[in-house]
């Protein structure tokens, strides 16, 4: 039998060192396989949040969690969440997606668009396309991990609700499972964004990002699934006050301007 370039007659006739080799290697293999999962840092609780997708800015001492775009650098000494638009396109990445037209959802021959943000919807209708898209997201997630992020937020899980019935919930869930797997394999925790009524724990999400859960009275839906590991962002002062009154003692709640500009509104409960 040939072992790493050495030839022996069989394990029965090899020395005691060779007989012990399986017992030495097996624990090492198991540790290596378990490393990505054990390396994931959970979202901390009991600290404030800053949501900086529109541009980086200084982080005050009360903030322990910072969310930034995947192209931005994380903040030293904080729990950093990397933003990835998992289900739609970013408006400044149209050149990238124009080279991959088959992955953009079409409606009557035109690209389906989220009119509120000018983002194209990704076509997740088939397993083949879902795996191709997940491969792209996997590369971006690995980049987040390489930069030092601890977690990733996948935006627009609910894109199917804006697809004029072209996309289905079950397709979104199947694709979400691939994205979560990509995050976990990179050693990152994965955050559910939108679709409050869905229990993302069933596909492995670790926490949630709840935009305007106070405005739409959805915060309790997220907390029923994730407990205190929910990040709440409000854009209207009246909703911010309501969310602080009802959830501020349990969740990090931040008031931001809608465009999330570096010099815009930023207040905490």
Foldseek 3Di string as FASTA:
>chain_A
DADPNDDDPDCVPDDPVSVCVVVVVVVVVVCVVCVLQVLADADDWDAAEAEFALHDADDDPRHQEYEYELVDADDPRHQYEYEDQLFWDAPVCVVVCVVVVVQFDDDPRHFQADVVHRIGTTDLADPVSLVVSLVVLLVSLLSSVVSPHNAYEHPDLPVCVRRVNPDDNVSSLVSVLSNCVSNSVSSHAYEYEDPLQDQNVVSPHQAYEYELCQVVVRVVSRCVRHPLRYEYEYADPVSQVSCCVPPVVRYHYWHFHPSSHRPTDTDTD
